[in-house]
Amino acid sequence: MKLWKKIVASVAIALPVFALAACGNSSSSSSANKTVKVGIMTNDKEIWQDIQKRLKKQDVNIKLVEFTDYNTPNKALDDGDIQLNSFQTIQFMDAWNKKHKDTITSVGNTYLGPMRAYSNKIKSLSALKKGDTVSVPNDAANEGRALQLLEQKGLIKLKSGVTNPTTRDITENKLNLKITELDAAQTARSMNDVDAAIVNNDIAAAAKLTPSKAISVEKIGKNSAPFINIIAAASKKDKKNATYKKIVKAYQTKQTEKLMKKYYKGSTVPAWK
């Protein structure tokens, strides 16, 4: 009987300890859930580091994962290697979802950055001559924007009604321009090999191209909504995630706008207003 009383007493003592341990694990898990891996382009690092610092005071820990191309951030999102990414436009996301039968969803707008044409050889797109070469991004969304910029300047004509045109949709090319499709990250590096390169805003920033020296700029207007950059998550249910909402709110501030002017040198405008 004495032995039995000792066993009962031991269990009685052990149970509260076990309960405390379980509570400790639960608390640790909750804290871990507030650590969010965010995939960004390298040139966005300074802006996101500031957001990271501000959110730490709100008990939200951001781990930044840097990318240098457009091919891997959405795959990393799908694979669960990151929880959010900030690199793509709405149009790019829609094209990705269609191609990959995916559910990637915008949880908040960031900025709008017009595409620009740059050159080491000419001062204007109108200076292009017969047979000259122009490099453009090869992904579905950005290639269309680049070609539309050439169309805006009267250099080519595109098939009407096509959302994301490619070189196959060119119906007129009077100068017989040679349009070279490259990975977006390679367009800035191609400038010594082509007569003009049409470069995404963030790729241009990473390559330290000066926006004011661009030889042409994409027109921005009421039809530019698909070109707004976003913070994206893996699925629609993530729009309700309270931590993600905090991250979006921290991005959409005057402080971020100030940093955008500094690091993007006036090449972008806030898209949350």
Protein backbone atom coordinates (compact mmCIF):
# COMPACT_ATOMS: atom_id res chain seq x y z
CA MET A 1 0.00 0.00 0.00
CA LYS A 2 2.85 2.39 0.84
CA LEU A 3 4.40 1.62 -2.55
CA TRP A 4 1.10 2.40 -4.30
CA LYS A 5 0.81 5.76 -2.47
CA LYS A 6 4.32 6.65 -3.60
CA ILE A 7 3.44 5.85 -7.24
CA VAL A 8 0.27 8.01 -7.09
CA ALA A 9 2.22 10.86 -5.51
CA SER A 10 4.89 10.63 -8.21
CA VAL A 11 2.27 10.76 -10.97
CA ALA A 12 0.57 13.73 -9.30
CA ILE A 13 3.87 15.62 -9.30
CA ALA A 14 4.76 14.60 -12.85
CA LEU A 15 1.46 15.67 -14.41
CA PRO A 16 1.83 19.44 -13.71
CA VAL A 17 5.42 19.29 -14.96
CA PHE A 18 4.24 17.60 -18.17
CA ALA A 19 1.48 20.17 -18.55
CA LEU A 20 3.96 23.02 -18.16
CA ALA A 21 6.23 21.42 -20.74
CA ALA A 22 3.30 21.08 -23.15
CA CYS A 23 2.39 24.74 -22.62
CA GLY A 24 5.99 25.67 -23.23
CA ASN A 25 6.00 23.76 -26.52
CA SER A 26 2.73 25.38 -27.57
CA SER A 27 4.09 28.84 -26.85
CA SER A 28 7.28 28.06 -28.76
CA SER A 29 5.24 26.80 -31.72
CA SER A 30 3.12 29.97 -31.70
CA SER A 31 6.26 32.10 -31.71
CA ALA A 32 7.71 30.04 -34.56
CA ASN A 33 4.55 30.62 -36.58
CA LYS A 34 5.34 34.34 -36.51
CA THR A 35 8.63 33.77 -38.36
CA VAL A 36 7.88 34.41 -42.01
CA LYS A 37 10.31 33.73 -44.84
CA VAL A 38 9.89 36.36 -47.54
CA GLY A 39 11.41 35.90 -50.99
CA ILE A 40 12.69 39.16 -52.48
CA MET A 41 14.85 40.36 -55.34
CA THR A 42 18.34 41.35 -54.24
CA ASN A 43 17.82 45.02 -55.10
CA ASP A 44 14.86 45.20 -52.67
CA LYS A 45 17.03 44.20 -49.72
CA GLU A 46 17.43 47.62 -48.10
CA ILE A 47 13.70 48.34 -48.22
CA TRP A 48 12.78 44.97 -46.73
CA GLN A 49 15.49 45.18 -44.07
CA ASP A 50 13.83 48.35 -42.80
CA ILE A 51 10.43 46.62 -42.74
CA GLN A 52 12.06 43.67 -41.00
CA LYS A 53 13.43 45.98 -38.29
CA ARG A 54 10.09 47.74 -37.76
CA LEU A 55 8.11 44.49 -37.53
CA LYS A 56 10.47 42.98 -34.98
CA LYS A 57 9.01 45.47 -32.48
CA GLN A 58 5.60 43.90 -33.20
CA ASP A 59 6.90 40.41 -32.47
CA VAL A 60 6.92 39.47 -36.17
CA ASN A 61 10.19 37.95 -37.32
CA ILE A 62 10.94 38.15 -41.05
CA LYS A 63 13.67 36.07 -42.64
CA LEU A 64 14.64 37.45 -46.05
CA VAL A 65 15.47 35.02 -48.86
CA GLU A 66 17.12 36.70 -51.85
CA PHE A 67 16.59 35.75 -55.50
CA THR A 68 18.21 37.09 -58.66
CA ASP A 69 15.81 35.72 -61.28
CA TYR A 70 12.08 35.36 -61.88
CA ASN A 71 12.03 31.57 -62.29
CA THR A 72 12.44 30.42 -58.69
CA PRO A 73 10.52 32.64 -56.20
CA ASN A 74 7.08 31.18 -57.03
CA LYS A 75 8.42 27.63 -57.04
CA ALA A 76 9.93 28.30 -53.61
CA LEU A 77 6.50 29.53 -52.49
CA ASP A 78 4.83 26.36 -53.79
CA ASP A 79 7.44 24.15 -52.15
CA GLY A 80 6.96 25.88 -48.78
CA ASP A 81 10.55 27.12 -48.68
CA ILE A 82 9.17 30.64 -48.24
CA GLN A 83 5.74 31.89 -47.09
CA LEU A 84 5.58 35.15 -49.06
CA ASN A 85 7.39 36.69 -51.99
CA SER A 86 7.64 40.21 -53.32
CA PHE A 87 8.89 40.44 -56.89
CA GLN A 88 6.07 39.99 -59.38
CA THR A 89 3.29 41.97 -61.01
CA ILE A 90 -0.36 40.93 -60.99
CA GLN A 91 -0.03 40.06 -64.68
CA PHE A 92 3.02 37.86 -64.02
CA MET A 93 1.18 36.06 -61.21
CA ASP A 94 -1.87 35.45 -63.39
CA ALA A 95 0.29 34.08 -66.22
CA TRP A 96 2.14 31.83 -63.75
CA ASN A 97 -1.08 30.50 -62.23
CA LYS A 98 -2.51 29.74 -65.67
CA LYS A 99 0.61 27.95 -66.86
CA HIS A 100 1.21 25.95 -63.67
CA LYS A 101 -2.44 25.52 -62.58
CA ASP A 102 -1.43 27.28 -59.37
CA THR A 103 -3.24 29.31 -56.70
CA ILE A 104 -0.69 32.01 -55.84
CA THR A 105 -2.57 35.04 -54.52
CA SER A 106 -1.84 38.72 -53.93
CA VAL A 107 -2.10 39.80 -50.30
CA GLY A 108 -1.15 43.44 -50.93
CA ASN A 109 0.13 45.96 -53.48
CA THR A 110 3.66 47.36 -53.35
CA TYR A 111 4.71 49.61 -56.24
CA LEU A 112 4.34 50.30 -59.94
CA GLY A 113 7.55 50.47 -61.97
CA PRO A 114 7.40 51.23 -65.69
CA MET A 115 9.63 49.21 -68.00
CA ARG A 116 12.37 51.19 -69.69
CA ALA A 117 14.56 50.81 -72.75
CA TYR A 118 18.30 51.36 -72.32
CA SER A 119 21.15 51.50 -74.79
CA ASN A 120 24.89 52.04 -74.99
CA LYS A 121 24.61 52.87 -78.68
CA ILE A 122 21.60 55.10 -79.37
CA LYS A 123 19.80 57.96 -77.62
CA SER A 124 16.23 57.09 -78.60
CA LEU A 125 14.25 54.07 -79.81
CA SER A 126 13.40 56.13 -82.89
CA ALA A 127 17.11 55.94 -83.80
CA LEU A 128 16.87 52.18 -84.37
CA LYS A 129 17.84 51.22 -87.93
CA LYS A 130 16.86 48.37 -90.20
CA GLY A 131 18.05 45.03 -88.85
CA ASP A 132 19.01 46.36 -85.41
CA THR A 133 18.70 44.06 -82.38
CA VAL A 134 16.51 44.61 -79.32
CA SER A 135 16.56 42.33 -76.28
CA VAL A 136 13.36 41.71 -74.28
CA PRO A 137 12.48 39.55 -71.23
CA ASN A 138 11.28 36.09 -72.25
CA ASP A 139 8.64 35.46 -69.54
CA ALA A 140 5.01 35.66 -70.59
CA ALA A 141 4.02 38.85 -68.76
CA ASN A 142 7.14 40.96 -69.20
CA GLU A 143 7.78 40.07 -72.83
CA GLY A 144 4.30 41.38 -73.63
CA ARG A 145 5.01 44.68 -71.87
CA ALA A 146 8.32 45.06 -73.70
CA LEU A 147 6.72 44.44 -77.08
CA GLN A 148 3.90 46.86 -76.25
CA LEU A 149 6.54 49.52 -75.51
CA LEU A 150 7.97 48.97 -79.01
CA GLU A 151 4.44 49.22 -80.38
CA GLN A 152 3.83 52.47 -78.46
CA LYS A 153 6.83 53.90 -80.28
CA GLY A 154 5.49 52.81 -83.68
CA LEU A 155 8.28 50.29 -84.31
CA ILE A 156 6.09 47.18 -84.54
CA LYS A 157 2.42 46.22 -84.63
CA LEU A 158 0.91 43.45 -82.51
CA LYS A 159 -2.11 41.24 -82.99
CA SER A 160 -5.05 42.96 -81.27
CA GLY A 161 -6.77 41.42 -78.26
CA VAL A 162 -3.74 39.44 -77.01
CA THR A 163 -3.10 39.98 -73.29
CA ASN A 164 0.48 38.71 -73.16
CA PRO A 165 1.84 39.00 -76.71
CA THR A 166 5.03 37.27 -77.82
CA THR A 167 7.18 37.71 -80.93
CA ARG A 168 4.75 35.35 -82.71
CA ASP A 169 2.06 38.03 -82.35
CA ILE A 170 4.01 40.67 -84.27
CA THR A 171 2.03 41.50 -87.40
CA GLU A 172 4.26 44.28 -88.71
CA ASN A 173 7.99 44.96 -88.29
CA LYS A 174 8.99 47.47 -90.97
CA LEU A 175 12.59 47.77 -89.77
CA ASN A 176 12.93 44.00 -89.57
CA LEU A 177 14.18 44.39 -86.00
CA LYS A 178 15.78 41.30 -84.53
CA ILE A 179 14.06 40.80 -81.20
CA THR A 180 16.09 38.62 -78.85
CA GLU A 181 14.21 36.94 -76.01
CA LEU A 182 16.32 36.56 -72.87
CA ASP A 183 15.80 35.68 -69.24
CA ALA A 184 14.79 38.96 -67.60
CA ALA A 185 17.94 39.00 -65.47
CA GLN A 186 20.08 38.90 -68.65
CA THR A 187 18.51 41.89 -70.43
CA ALA A 188 20.62 44.49 -68.63
CA ARG A 189 23.76 42.44 -69.25
CA SER A 190 23.01 42.25 -72.96
CA MET A 191 23.42 45.98 -73.59
CA ASN A 192 26.88 45.65 -75.14
CA ASP A 193 25.59 43.03 -77.57
CA VAL A 194 22.35 44.66 -78.71
CA ASP A 195 21.28 48.08 -79.97
CA ALA A 196 18.65 48.45 -77.24
CA ALA A 197 17.50 46.43 -74.23
CA ILE A 198 14.10 46.63 -72.57
CA VAL A 199 14.63 46.01 -68.87
CA ASN A 200 12.34 45.42 -65.89
CA ASN A 201 12.51 48.05 -63.18
CA ASP A 202 14.02 45.85 -60.47
CA ILE A 203 16.53 44.25 -62.84
CA ALA A 204 17.58 47.75 -63.95
CA ALA A 205 17.99 48.81 -60.31
CA ALA A 206 20.11 45.72 -59.55
CA ALA A 207 22.29 46.52 -62.59
CA LYS A 208 22.59 50.13 -61.34
CA LEU A 209 21.09 51.55 -64.54
CA THR A 210 20.04 55.19 -64.13
CA PRO A 211 16.30 55.65 -64.90
CA SER A 212 16.86 59.18 -66.23
CA LYS A 213 19.22 57.76 -68.86
CA ALA A 214 16.61 55.41 -70.29
CA ILE A 215 15.93 56.00 -73.98
CA SER A 216 12.23 55.21 -73.61
CA VAL A 217 9.71 54.64 -70.79
CA GLU A 218 6.52 52.59 -70.75
CA LYS A 219 3.40 54.76 -70.59
CA ILE A 220 1.52 54.39 -67.31
CA GLY A 221 -2.21 55.05 -67.17
CA LYS A 222 -5.59 53.59 -66.27
CA ASN A 223 -4.72 50.33 -68.03
CA SER A 224 -1.59 49.79 -65.94
CA ALA A 225 -3.29 47.96 -63.05
CA PRO A 226 -2.00 44.51 -64.17
CA PHE A 227 1.56 45.85 -63.89
CA ILE A 228 1.31 46.64 -60.17
CA ASN A 229 3.83 44.71 -58.09
CA ILE A 230 2.52 42.70 -55.18
CA ILE A 231 3.30 40.70 -52.06
CA ALA A 232 2.13 37.17 -52.85
CA ALA A 233 1.22 34.08 -50.84
CA ALA A 234 0.56 30.48 -51.83
CA SER A 235 -3.25 30.47 -51.72
CA LYS A 236 -6.39 32.57 -51.22
CA LYS A 237 -6.78 31.49 -47.59
CA ASP A 238 -3.54 33.33 -46.82
CA LYS A 239 -5.30 36.67 -47.37
CA LYS A 240 -6.81 36.19 -43.89
CA ASN A 241 -3.48 35.52 -42.18
CA ALA A 242 -3.08 38.14 -39.45
CA THR A 243 0.73 38.10 -39.57
CA TYR A 244 0.76 38.59 -43.34
CA LYS A 245 -1.61 41.54 -42.91
CA LYS A 246 0.89 43.11 -40.49
CA ILE A 247 3.65 42.69 -43.06
CA VAL A 248 1.57 44.32 -45.80
CA LYS A 249 0.62 47.18 -43.46
CA ALA A 250 4.29 47.73 -42.59
CA TYR A 251 5.17 47.89 -46.27
CA GLN A 252 2.41 50.34 -47.19
CA THR A 253 3.79 53.29 -45.22
CA LYS A 254 5.37 56.69 -45.82
CA GLN A 255 8.66 55.25 -44.52
CA THR A 256 8.68 52.66 -47.32
CA GLU A 257 7.74 55.33 -49.86
CA LYS A 258 10.70 57.40 -48.69
CA LEU A 259 13.06 54.44 -49.10
CA MET A 260 11.66 53.68 -52.55
CA LYS A 261 12.56 57.20 -53.68
CA LYS A 262 16.06 56.73 -52.30
CA TYR A 263 16.88 53.30 -53.68
CA TYR A 264 14.81 53.32 -56.88
CA LYS A 265 15.80 56.91 -57.69
CA GLY A 266 12.29 57.94 -58.68
CA SER A 267 11.72 55.01 -61.06
CA THR A 268 8.73 53.63 -59.11
CA VAL A 269 5.56 54.95 -57.51
CA PRO A 270 3.61 53.52 -54.53
CA ALA A 271 0.73 51.36 -55.72
CA TRP A 272 -1.24 51.11 -52.48
CA LYS A 273 -2.69 54.63 -52.63
